[in-house]
Amino acid sequence: MVLLVGRVDSFCMRNRAFLLVVWLLTSAALGQAFAWGPHDTGGSKPSDNAVMVYPPAPLVPASVSLPRMAPELALQVYHGRTRIQAIQLASYSAVTVIHAELPDSSQQGEYELQRYFSAPHDLHFTALHYKGDGFVKSNVITRLLQSEVDHIKQEDTGLTAISAKNYKFSYKGTAEISNRLVHVFQVKPRRKRPGLFKGRVCLDVFTGSLVRAEGGVVKSPSFFVKKIEFVQDYADYGSFTFPVHIHSEAQARVIGRTVIDIYHQDYQPVVVGVQARQASSHVLIPAE
């Protein structure tokens, strides 16, 4: 095993605990990735071969005179949007920036990458720029990227999707997030499973699209990790909804806090009615 630098490499126990934290942070992010991974589509197939690239959809301010959905309708529309997206999204590209920090060891790093996804199981990255500590790059960010690729490859996104199958929804009223009026639902997982969380989801009252998900992971795989919490924001690109920022923090008993921020921008989603889809996954990060 390559020797690790910094205070976190003093003991093998610390390395083990650290990797568990990385795994948990990845699980929190992936658990909310329903809007851009494969899902159960009920066997539905699109009926044409149209190809279309969507620009970002404009935000709908509360002042616009559009029908305001009842909470129950917004939730139904939300579930419908995710099913349609699973059918219609053939591929997308985006720029991803990951900032990771270990406050207790004063180590950090930031990695900018080009992300490519092709339904249903192909996800890979091309490195654009990195700055920061080598330990964070090799043992935090690269491991996180590989975990995300493995998650897509294993076709288990449905197990962590924000759906009625995995969660109970309880309406808690309205709120405003970045000038968007939202319905707020408390969500509780139907079972304790890695990647599921207890917290809240916020749906746009006019469109039913997901605006924010936040909470704490309900199951830790290790005694060393005490808790993990996250906030993830979404945006609409045409008829699709994608995550644009996730902030995650984990608290471990040995290494302390681990903080990760992931930003996604410049989405280029593509709809293809019928196309051959490769079922492979890999990470491409050129050596520097």
C-alpha atoms as a PDB file:
ATOM      1  CA  MET A   1       0.000   0.000   0.000  1.00  0.00           C
ATOM      2  CA  VAL A   2       1.277   3.463  -0.893  1.00  0.00           C
ATOM      3  CA  LEU A   3       2.250   5.526   2.153  1.00  0.00           C
ATOM      4  CA  LEU A   4      -0.185   8.356   2.818  1.00  0.00           C
ATOM      5  CA  VAL A   5       0.847  11.857   3.827  1.00  0.00           C
ATOM      6  CA  GLY A   6      -0.456  14.119   6.540  1.00  0.00           C
ATOM      7  CA  ARG A   7      -1.876  13.436   9.981  1.00  0.00           C
ATOM      8  CA  VAL A   8      -4.474  10.961   8.730  1.00  0.00           C
ATOM      9  CA  ASP A   9      -1.843   8.374   7.756  1.00  0.00           C
ATOM     10  CA  SER A  10      -0.573   7.682  11.268  1.00  0.00           C
ATOM     11  CA  PHE A  11      -2.528   4.499  11.887  1.00  0.00           C
ATOM     12  CA  CYS A  12      -4.147   1.826   9.781  1.00  0.00           C
ATOM     13  CA  MET A  13      -7.341   2.354  11.778  1.00  0.00           C
ATOM     14  CA  ARG A  14      -7.457   5.940  10.616  1.00  0.00           C
ATOM     15  CA  ASN A  15      -7.147   4.895   6.969  1.00  0.00           C
ATOM     16  CA  ARG A  16      -9.999   2.446   7.361  1.00  0.00           C
ATOM     17  CA  ALA A  17     -12.237   5.000   9.040  1.00  0.00           C
ATOM     18  CA  PHE A  18     -11.378   7.580   6.420  1.00  0.00           C
ATOM     19  CA  LEU A  19     -12.395   5.329   3.539  1.00  0.00           C
ATOM     20  CA  LEU A  20     -15.701   4.626   5.282  1.00  0.00           C
ATOM     21  CA  VAL A  21     -16.348   8.348   5.452  1.00  0.00           C
ATOM     22  CA  VAL A  22     -15.662   8.674   1.725  1.00  0.00           C
ATOM     23  CA  TRP A  23     -18.045   5.791   1.044  1.00  0.00           C
ATOM     24  CA  LEU A  24     -20.784   7.411   3.115  1.00  0.00           C
ATOM     25  CA  LEU A  25     -20.381  10.787   1.444  1.00  0.00           C
ATOM     26  CA  THR A  26     -20.651   9.061  -1.927  1.00  0.00           C
ATOM     27  CA  SER A  27     -23.762   7.191  -0.805  1.00  0.00           C
ATOM     28  CA  ALA A  28     -25.408  10.444   0.216  1.00  0.00           C
ATOM     29  CA  ALA A  29     -24.717  11.969  -3.181  1.00  0.00           C
ATOM     30  CA  LEU A  30     -25.775   8.900  -5.135  1.00  0.00           C
ATOM     31  CA  GLY A  31     -28.887   8.401  -3.117  1.00  0.00           C
ATOM     32  CA  GLN A  32     -30.159  11.639  -4.614  1.00  0.00           C
ATOM     33  CA  ALA A  33     -29.005  10.899  -8.150  1.00  0.00           C
ATOM     34  CA  PHE A  34     -32.362   9.498  -9.237  1.00  0.00           C
ATOM     35  CA  ALA A  35     -32.792  12.305 -11.750  1.00  0.00           C
ATOM     36  CA  TRP A  36     -29.850  11.232 -13.865  1.00  0.00           C
ATOM     37  CA  GLY A  37     -29.448   7.487 -13.444  1.00  0.00           C
ATOM     38  CA  PRO A  38     -31.388   4.473 -14.772  1.00  0.00           C
ATOM     39  CA  HIS A  39     -34.747   3.680 -13.206  1.00  0.00           C
ATOM     40  CA  ASP A  40     -37.613   1.284 -13.589  1.00  0.00           C
ATOM     41  CA  THR A  41     -39.648   2.540 -16.531  1.00  0.00           C
ATOM     42  CA  GLY A  42     -42.341  -0.089 -16.419  1.00  0.00           C
ATOM     43  CA  GLY A  43     -41.326  -1.410 -19.817  1.00  0.00           C
ATOM     44  CA  SER A  44     -42.345   1.811 -21.599  1.00  0.00           C
ATOM     45  CA  LYS A  45     -40.509   2.642 -24.809  1.00  0.00           C
ATOM     46  CA  PRO A  46     -40.324   5.969 -26.635  1.00  0.00           C
ATOM     47  CA  SER A  47     -42.012   5.911 -30.012  1.00  0.00           C
ATOM     48  CA  ASP A  48     -39.650   7.866 -32.239  1.00  0.00           C
ATOM     49  CA  ASN A  49     -36.025   8.553 -33.058  1.00  0.00           C
ATOM     50  CA  ALA A  50     -36.022  12.263 -32.385  1.00  0.00           C
ATOM     51  CA  VAL A  51     -32.824  13.755 -31.024  1.00  0.00           C
ATOM     52  CA  MET A  52     -32.972  17.000 -29.071  1.00  0.00           C
ATOM     53  CA  VAL A  53     -30.556  18.937 -26.879  1.00  0.00           C
ATOM     54  CA  TYR A  54     -32.275  21.068 -24.222  1.00  0.00           C
ATOM     55  CA  PRO A  55     -30.991  24.395 -22.848  1.00  0.00           C
ATOM     56  CA  PRO A  56     -31.459  25.191 -19.174  1.00  0.00           C
ATOM     57  CA  ALA A  57     -35.088  25.920 -18.336  1.00  0.00           C
ATOM     58  CA  PRO A  58     -35.769  29.371 -16.845  1.00  0.00           C
ATOM     59  CA  LEU A  59     -36.855  29.554 -13.222  1.00  0.00           C
ATOM     60  CA  VAL A  60     -40.554  30.182 -12.644  1.00  0.00           C
ATOM     61  CA  PRO A  61     -40.920  33.120 -10.224  1.00  0.00           C
ATOM     62  CA  ALA A  62     -43.799  33.128  -7.769  1.00  0.00           C
ATOM     63  CA  SER A  63     -45.254  36.213  -9.484  1.00  0.00           C
ATOM     64  CA  VAL A  64     -45.964  34.383 -12.749  1.00  0.00           C
ATOM     65  CA  SER A  65     -49.632  33.548 -13.139  1.00  0.00           C
ATOM     66  CA  LEU A  66     -49.416  29.763 -13.430  1.00  0.00           C
ATOM     67  CA  PRO A  67     -51.649  27.150 -11.826  1.00  0.00           C
ATOM     68  CA  ARG A  68     -50.383  26.328  -8.362  1.00  0.00           C
ATOM     69  CA  MET A  69     -50.450  22.617  -7.679  1.00  0.00           C
ATOM     70  CA  ALA A  70     -51.879  21.082  -4.554  1.00  0.00           C
ATOM     71  CA  PRO A  71     -49.239  19.177  -2.554  1.00  0.00           C
ATOM     72  CA  GLU A  72     -50.623  15.773  -3.570  1.00  0.00           C
ATOM     73  CA  LEU A  73     -50.645  16.742  -7.250  1.00  0.00           C
ATOM     74  CA  ALA A  74     -47.105  18.143  -7.091  1.00  0.00           C
ATOM     75  CA  LEU A  75     -45.921  14.849  -5.618  1.00  0.00           C
ATOM     76  CA  GLN A  76     -47.669  12.867  -8.374  1.00  0.00           C
ATOM     77  CA  VAL A  77     -46.168  15.118 -11.048  1.00  0.00           C
ATOM     78  CA  TYR A  78     -42.729  14.719  -9.480  1.00  0.00           C
ATOM     79  CA  HIS A  79     -42.955  10.915  -9.658  1.00  0.00           C
ATOM     80  CA  GLY A  80     -44.192  11.174 -13.238  1.00  0.00           C
ATOM     81  CA  ARG A  81     -41.308  13.438 -14.229  1.00  0.00           C
ATOM     82  CA  THR A  82     -38.740  10.959 -12.904  1.00  0.00           C
ATOM     83  CA  ARG A  83     -40.330   8.099 -14.869  1.00  0.00           C
ATOM     84  CA  ILE A  84     -40.405  10.138 -18.068  1.00  0.00           C
ATOM     85  CA  GLN A  85     -36.807  11.229 -17.581  1.00  0.00           C
ATOM     86  CA  ALA A  86     -35.738   7.620 -17.136  1.00  0.00           C
ATOM     87  CA  ILE A  87     -37.298   6.813 -20.517  1.00  0.00           C
ATOM     88  CA  GLN A  88     -36.235   9.866 -22.499  1.00  0.00           C
ATOM     89  CA  LEU A  89     -32.737  10.681 -21.224  1.00  0.00           C
ATOM     90  CA  ALA A  90     -30.306   8.977 -23.563  1.00  0.00           C
ATOM     91  CA  SER A  91     -27.142  10.791 -22.498  1.00  0.00           C
ATOM     92  CA  TYR A  92     -25.693  14.014 -21.169  1.00  0.00           C
ATOM     93  CA  SER A  93     -22.422  15.790 -20.564  1.00  0.00           C
ATOM     94  CA  ALA A  94     -21.605  18.269 -17.805  1.00  0.00           C
ATOM     95  CA  VAL A  95     -18.712  19.926 -16.022  1.00  0.00           C
ATOM     96  CA  THR A  96     -18.200  18.666 -12.465  1.00  0.00           C
ATOM     97  CA  VAL A  97     -16.115  20.419  -9.816  1.00  0.00           C
ATOM     98  CA  ILE A  98     -15.421  18.543  -6.569  1.00  0.00           C
ATOM     99  CA  HIS A  99     -13.960  20.291  -3.541  1.00  0.00           C
ATOM    100  CA  ALA A 100     -12.945  18.048  -0.634  1.00  0.00           C
ATOM    101  CA  GLU A 101     -11.577  19.146   2.720  1.00  0.00           C
ATOM    102  CA  LEU A 102     -10.206  17.427   5.832  1.00  0.00           C
ATOM    103  CA  PRO A 103     -10.326  20.249   8.407  1.00  0.00           C
ATOM    104  CA  ASP A 104      -8.572  18.298  11.177  1.00  0.00           C
ATOM    105  CA  SER A 105      -5.525  17.594   8.994  1.00  0.00           C
ATOM    106  CA  SER A 106      -5.665  20.879   7.035  1.00  0.00           C
ATOM    107  CA  GLN A 107      -5.751  19.050   3.698  1.00  0.00           C
ATOM    108  CA  GLN A 108      -7.943  19.926   0.752  1.00  0.00           C
ATOM    109  CA  GLY A 109      -8.235  19.627  -2.999  1.00  0.00           C
ATOM    110  CA  GLU A 110     -10.377  20.668  -5.929  1.00  0.00           C
ATOM    111  CA  TYR A 111     -10.852  18.623  -9.095  1.00  0.00           C
ATOM    112  CA  GLU A 112     -12.542  19.869 -12.275  1.00  0.00           C
ATOM    113  CA  LEU A 113     -13.699  17.154 -14.666  1.00  0.00           C
ATOM    114  CA  GLN A 114     -15.841  16.640 -17.736  1.00  0.00           C
ATOM    115  CA  ARG A 115     -18.626  14.151 -17.020  1.00  0.00           C
ATOM    116  CA  TYR A 116     -20.210  11.907 -19.670  1.00  0.00           C
ATOM    117  CA  PHE A 117     -23.238   9.692 -19.078  1.00  0.00           C
ATOM    118  CA  SER A 118     -24.930   7.378 -21.584  1.00  0.00           C
ATOM    119  CA  ALA A 119     -27.965   5.396 -20.495  1.00  0.00           C
ATOM    120  CA  PRO A 120     -28.246   3.024 -18.962  1.00  0.00           C
ATOM    121  CA  HIS A 121     -24.837   2.104 -17.476  1.00  0.00           C
ATOM    122  CA  ASP A 122     -22.026   4.134 -19.023  1.00  0.00           C
ATOM    123  CA  LEU A 123     -20.429   6.882 -16.933  1.00  0.00           C
ATOM    124  CA  HIS A 124     -16.915   8.220 -17.306  1.00  0.00           C
ATOM    125  CA  PHE A 125     -14.877  11.317 -16.545  1.00  0.00           C
ATOM    126  CA  THR A 126     -12.079  13.241 -18.230  1.00  0.00           C
ATOM    127  CA  ALA A 127      -9.772  15.261 -15.968  1.00  0.00           C
ATOM    128  CA  LEU A 128      -9.523  18.982 -16.680  1.00  0.00           C
ATOM    129  CA  HIS A 129      -7.668  20.501 -13.723  1.00  0.00           C
ATOM    130  CA  TYR A 130      -6.644  19.656 -10.151  1.00  0.00           C
ATOM    131  CA  LYS A 131      -5.175  21.758  -7.376  1.00  0.00           C
ATOM    132  CA  GLY A 132      -4.490  20.785  -3.780  1.00  0.00           C
ATOM    133  CA  ASP A 133      -3.029  17.909  -1.753  1.00  0.00           C
ATOM    134  CA  GLY A 134      -2.245  14.656  -3.542  1.00  0.00           C
ATOM    135  CA  PHE A 135      -3.701  12.582  -0.705  1.00  0.00           C
ATOM    136  CA  VAL A 136      -7.112  14.223  -1.163  1.00  0.00           C
ATOM    137  CA  LYS A 137      -6.996  13.650  -4.913  1.00  0.00           C
ATOM    138  CA  SER A 138      -6.067   9.954  -4.695  1.00  0.00           C
ATOM    139  CA  ASN A 139      -7.914   8.866  -1.580  1.00  0.00           C
ATOM    140  CA  VAL A 140     -10.992  11.086  -1.524  1.00  0.00           C
ATOM    141  CA  ILE A 141     -12.023  12.450  -4.908  1.00  0.00           C
ATOM    142  CA  THR A 142     -10.847   9.630  -7.169  1.00  0.00           C
ATOM    143  CA  ARG A 143     -12.403   7.040  -4.856  1.00  0.00           C
ATOM    144  CA  LEU A 144     -15.641   9.016  -4.830  1.00  0.00           C
ATOM    145  CA  LEU A 145     -15.711   9.101  -8.637  1.00  0.00           C
ATOM    146  CA  GLN A 146     -15.048   5.376  -8.864  1.00  0.00           C
ATOM    147  CA  SER A 147     -17.823   4.693  -6.350  1.00  0.00           C
ATOM    148  CA  GLU A 148     -20.256   6.704  -8.458  1.00  0.00           C
ATOM    149  CA  VAL A 149     -19.288   4.782 -11.596  1.00  0.00           C
ATOM    150  CA  ASP A 150     -19.697   1.471  -9.766  1.00  0.00           C
ATOM    151  CA  HIS A 151     -23.111   2.586  -8.521  1.00  0.00           C
ATOM    152  CA  ILE A 152     -24.295   3.246 -12.086  1.00  0.00           C
ATOM    153  CA  LYS A 153     -22.722   0.038 -13.379  1.00  0.00           C
ATOM    154  CA  GLN A 154     -24.424  -2.122 -10.756  1.00  0.00           C
ATOM    155  CA  GLU A 155     -27.867  -0.776 -11.737  1.00  0.00           C
ATOM    156  CA  ASP A 156     -28.918  -0.251  -8.133  1.00  0.00           C
ATOM    157  CA  THR A 157     -29.982   3.407  -8.333  1.00  0.00           C
ATOM    158  CA  GLY A 158     -33.595   2.345  -7.831  1.00  0.00           C
ATOM    159  CA  LEU A 159     -32.704   1.140  -4.335  1.00  0.00           C
ATOM    160  CA  THR A 160     -31.818   4.691  -3.276  1.00  0.00           C
ATOM    161  CA  ALA A 161     -34.184   6.736  -5.456  1.00  0.00           C
ATOM    162  CA  ILE A 162     -36.481   9.246  -3.769  1.00  0.00           C
ATOM    163  CA  SER A 163     -39.624   7.285  -4.551  1.00  0.00           C
ATOM    164  CA  ALA A 164     -42.740   5.993  -2.803  1.00  0.00           C
ATOM    165  CA  LYS A 165     -41.160   2.560  -2.869  1.00  0.00           C
ATOM    166  CA  ASN A 166     -38.310   3.703  -0.634  1.00  0.00           C
ATOM    167  CA  TYR A 167     -39.868   6.547   1.378  1.00  0.00           C
ATOM    168  CA  LYS A 168     -42.945   7.740   3.227  1.00  0.00           C
ATOM    169  CA  PHE A 169     -43.875  11.344   2.398  1.00  0.00           C
ATOM    170  CA  SER A 170     -45.477  13.736   4.903  1.00  0.00           C
ATOM    171  CA  TYR A 171     -46.496  17.268   3.852  1.00  0.00           C
ATOM    172  CA  LYS A 172     -45.064  20.107   5.979  1.00  0.00           C
ATOM    173  CA  GLY A 173     -46.140  23.290   4.177  1.00  0.00           C
ATOM    174  CA  THR A 174     -44.540  25.759   1.762  1.00  0.00           C
ATOM    175  CA  ALA A 175     -41.230  27.617   1.716  1.00  0.00           C
ATOM    176  CA  GLU A 176     -39.116  29.703  -0.663  1.00  0.00           C
ATOM    177  CA  ILE A 177     -35.736  28.583  -2.024  1.00  0.00           C
ATOM    178  CA  SER A 178     -33.795  30.892  -4.357  1.00  0.00           C
ATOM    179  CA  ASN A 179     -36.989  32.731  -5.346  1.00  0.00           C
ATOM    180  CA  ARG A 180     -38.846  29.486  -6.006  1.00  0.00           C
ATOM    181  CA  LEU A 181     -41.971  28.631  -4.041  1.00  0.00           C
ATOM    182  CA  VAL A 182     -41.834  24.988  -2.982  1.00  0.00           C
ATOM    183  CA  HIS A 183     -43.913  22.353  -1.253  1.00  0.00           C
ATOM    184  CA  VAL A 184     -41.925  20.790   1.610  1.00  0.00           C
ATOM    185  CA  PHE A 185     -42.277  17.088   2.375  1.00  0.00           C
ATOM    186  CA  GLN A 186     -40.707  15.212   5.245  1.00  0.00           C
ATOM    187  CA  VAL A 187     -39.354  11.867   4.058  1.00  0.00           C
ATOM    188  CA  LYS A 188     -38.690   8.782   6.142  1.00  0.00           C
ATOM    189  CA  PRO A 189     -37.170   5.635   4.623  1.00  0.00           C
ATOM    190  CA  ARG A 190     -39.307   2.513   4.728  1.00  0.00           C
ATOM    191  CA  ARG A 191     -36.241   0.523   5.798  1.00  0.00           C
ATOM    192  CA  LYS A 192     -32.725   1.220   7.003  1.00  0.00           C
ATOM    193  CA  ARG A 193     -30.508   0.807   3.973  1.00  0.00           C
ATOM    194  CA  PRO A 194     -27.171   2.421   3.068  1.00  0.00           C
ATOM    195  CA  GLY A 195     -27.780   5.398   0.795  1.00  0.00           C
ATOM    196  CA  LEU A 196     -31.225   6.241   2.197  1.00  0.00           C
ATOM    197  CA  PHE A 197     -31.792   9.314   4.343  1.00  0.00           C
ATOM    198  CA  LYS A 198     -34.236  10.936   6.725  1.00  0.00           C
ATOM    199  CA  GLY A 199     -35.000  14.567   6.005  1.00  0.00           C
ATOM    200  CA  ARG A 200     -36.918  16.765   3.589  1.00  0.00           C
ATOM    201  CA  VAL A 201     -37.553  17.158  -0.144  1.00  0.00           C
ATOM    202  CA  CYS A 202     -38.807  20.379  -1.731  1.00  0.00           C
ATOM    203  CA  LEU A 203     -40.884  20.413  -4.929  1.00  0.00           C
ATOM    204  CA  ASP A 204     -41.683  23.431  -7.102  1.00  0.00           C
ATOM    205  CA  VAL A 205     -45.347  24.299  -6.539  1.00  0.00           C
ATOM    206  CA  PHE A 206     -45.871  25.154 -10.247  1.00  0.00           C
ATOM    207  CA  THR A 207     -43.942  22.372 -12.004  1.00  0.00           C
ATOM    208  CA  GLY A 208     -43.574  19.559  -9.468  1.00  0.00           C
ATOM    209  CA  SER A 209     -39.840  19.364 -10.158  1.00  0.00           C
ATOM    210  CA  LEU A 210     -37.363  18.628  -7.372  1.00  0.00           C
ATOM    211  CA  VAL A 211     -35.625  21.737  -6.014  1.00  0.00           C
ATOM    212  CA  ARG A 212     -33.821  20.445  -2.914  1.00  0.00           C
ATOM    213  CA  ALA A 213     -33.230  17.293  -0.862  1.00  0.00           C
ATOM    214  CA  GLU A 214     -31.586  17.392   2.558  1.00  0.00           C
ATOM    215  CA  GLY A 215     -31.129  15.268   5.638  1.00  0.00           C
ATOM    216  CA  GLY A 216     -28.999  12.640   7.306  1.00  0.00           C
ATOM    217  CA  VAL A 217     -28.039   9.136   6.215  1.00  0.00           C
ATOM    218  CA  VAL A 218     -29.967   6.570   8.275  1.00  0.00           C
ATOM    219  CA  LYS A 219     -27.444   3.730   8.310  1.00  0.00           C
ATOM    220  CA  SER A 220     -23.717   3.803   8.918  1.00  0.00           C
ATOM    221  CA  PRO A 221     -21.738   0.662   8.076  1.00  0.00           C
ATOM    222  CA  SER A 222     -19.203   1.300  10.819  1.00  0.00           C
ATOM    223  CA  PHE A 223     -18.787   2.260  14.452  1.00  0.00           C
ATOM    224  CA  PHE A 224     -16.144   4.779  13.349  1.00  0.00           C
ATOM    225  CA  VAL A 225     -18.621   7.043  11.524  1.00  0.00           C
ATOM    226  CA  LYS A 226     -21.058   8.855  13.799  1.00  0.00           C
ATOM    227  CA  LYS A 227     -23.169  10.773  11.296  1.00  0.00           C
ATOM    228  CA  ILE A 228     -23.386  12.209   7.800  1.00  0.00           C
ATOM    229  CA  GLU A 229     -25.573  15.080   6.631  1.00  0.00           C
ATOM    230  CA  PHE A 230     -26.105  16.689   3.232  1.00  0.00           C
ATOM    231  CA  VAL A 231     -27.991  19.331   1.259  1.00  0.00           C
ATOM    232  CA  GLN A 232     -28.457  18.863  -2.494  1.00  0.00           C
ATOM    233  CA  ASP A 233     -29.941  21.424  -4.906  1.00  0.00           C
ATOM    234  CA  TYR A 234     -31.419  20.736  -8.340  1.00  0.00           C
ATOM    235  CA  ALA A 235     -32.227  22.703 -11.490  1.00  0.00           C
ATOM    236  CA  ASP A 236     -34.373  22.079 -14.559  1.00  0.00           C
ATOM    237  CA  TYR A 237     -32.844  21.747 -18.011  1.00  0.00           C
ATOM    238  CA  GLY A 238     -35.741  21.603 -20.418  1.00  0.00           C
ATOM    239  CA  SER A 239     -37.944  18.768 -19.197  1.00  0.00           C
ATOM    240  CA  PHE A 240     -35.100  17.187 -17.222  1.00  0.00           C
ATOM    241  CA  THR A 241     -34.023  17.759 -13.611  1.00  0.00           C
ATOM    242  CA  PHE A 242     -30.366  17.486 -12.606  1.00  0.00           C
ATOM    243  CA  PRO A 243     -28.406  18.013  -9.375  1.00  0.00           C
ATOM    244  CA  VAL A 244     -26.310  21.173  -9.456  1.00  0.00           C
ATOM    245  CA  HIS A 245     -24.756  21.244  -5.971  1.00  0.00           C
ATOM    246  CA  ILE A 246     -24.358  18.883  -3.042  1.00  0.00           C
ATOM    247  CA  HIS A 247     -22.800  19.762   0.293  1.00  0.00           C
ATOM    248  CA  SER A 248     -21.958  16.761   2.499  1.00  0.00           C
ATOM    249  CA  GLU A 249     -20.342  16.541   5.921  1.00  0.00           C
ATOM    250  CA  ALA A 250     -19.370  13.429   7.841  1.00  0.00           C
ATOM    251  CA  GLN A 251     -18.149  13.091  11.408  1.00  0.00           C
ATOM    252  CA  ALA A 252     -15.828  10.201  12.219  1.00  0.00           C
ATOM    253  CA  ARG A 253     -14.640   9.111  15.654  1.00  0.00           C
ATOM    254  CA  VAL A 254     -10.944   9.074  14.678  1.00  0.00           C
ATOM    255  CA  ILE A 255     -10.265  11.489  11.813  1.00  0.00           C
ATOM    256  CA  GLY A 256     -12.931  14.095  12.560  1.00  0.00           C
ATOM    257  CA  ARG A 257     -14.830  16.028   9.900  1.00  0.00           C
ATOM    258  CA  THR A 258     -14.808  15.358   6.165  1.00  0.00           C
ATOM    259  CA  VAL A 259     -16.448  18.010   3.986  1.00  0.00           C
ATOM    260  CA  ILE A 260     -17.258  17.606   0.296  1.00  0.00           C
ATOM    261  CA  ASP A 261     -18.890  20.036  -2.126  1.00  0.00           C
ATOM    262  CA  ILE A 262     -19.806  18.872  -5.628  1.00  0.00           C
ATOM    263  CA  TYR A 263     -20.909  21.336  -8.320  1.00  0.00           C
ATOM    264  CA  HIS A 264     -22.382  20.409 -11.716  1.00  0.00           C
ATOM    265  CA  GLN A 265     -22.841  22.892 -14.545  1.00  0.00           C
ATOM    266  CA  ASP A 266     -23.130  23.201 -18.328  1.00  0.00           C
ATOM    267  CA  TYR A 267     -25.450  20.199 -18.673  1.00  0.00           C
ATOM    268  CA  GLN A 268     -26.053  19.067 -22.240  1.00  0.00           C
ATOM    269  CA  PRO A 269     -28.840  16.451 -22.064  1.00  0.00           C
ATOM    270  CA  VAL A 270     -29.859  14.534 -25.191  1.00  0.00           C
ATOM    271  CA  VAL A 271     -33.116  12.725 -25.908  1.00  0.00           C
ATOM    272  CA  VAL A 272     -33.014   9.786 -28.293  1.00  0.00           C
ATOM    273  CA  GLY A 273     -36.181   7.803 -28.943  1.00  0.00           C
ATOM    274  CA  VAL A 274     -34.485   4.533 -29.835  1.00  0.00           C
ATOM    275  CA  GLN A 275     -30.751   3.901 -29.763  1.00  0.00           C
ATOM    276  CA  ALA A 276     -28.336   1.129 -28.906  1.00  0.00           C
ATOM    277  CA  ARG A 277     -27.020   1.531 -25.378  1.00  0.00           C
ATOM    278  CA  GLN A 278     -23.759   0.138 -24.150  1.00  0.00           C
ATOM    279  CA  ALA A 279     -23.806  -1.414 -20.687  1.00  0.00           C
ATOM    280  CA  SER A 280     -20.317  -0.599 -19.491  1.00  0.00           C
ATOM    281  CA  SER A 281     -18.809   1.795 -16.974  1.00  0.00           C
ATOM    282  CA  HIS A 282     -15.327   3.133 -16.450  1.00  0.00           C
ATOM    283  CA  VAL A 283     -13.407   6.120 -15.182  1.00  0.00           C
ATOM    284  CA  LEU A 284     -10.965   7.897 -17.474  1.00  0.00           C
ATOM    285  CA  ILE A 285      -8.648  10.162 -15.521  1.00  0.00           C
ATOM    286  CA  PRO A 286      -5.380  10.729 -17.388  1.00  0.00           C
ATOM    287  CA  ALA A 287      -2.183  10.666 -15.359  1.00  0.00           C
ATOM    288  CA  GLU A 288      -0.725  14.063 -14.754  1.00  0.00           C
END
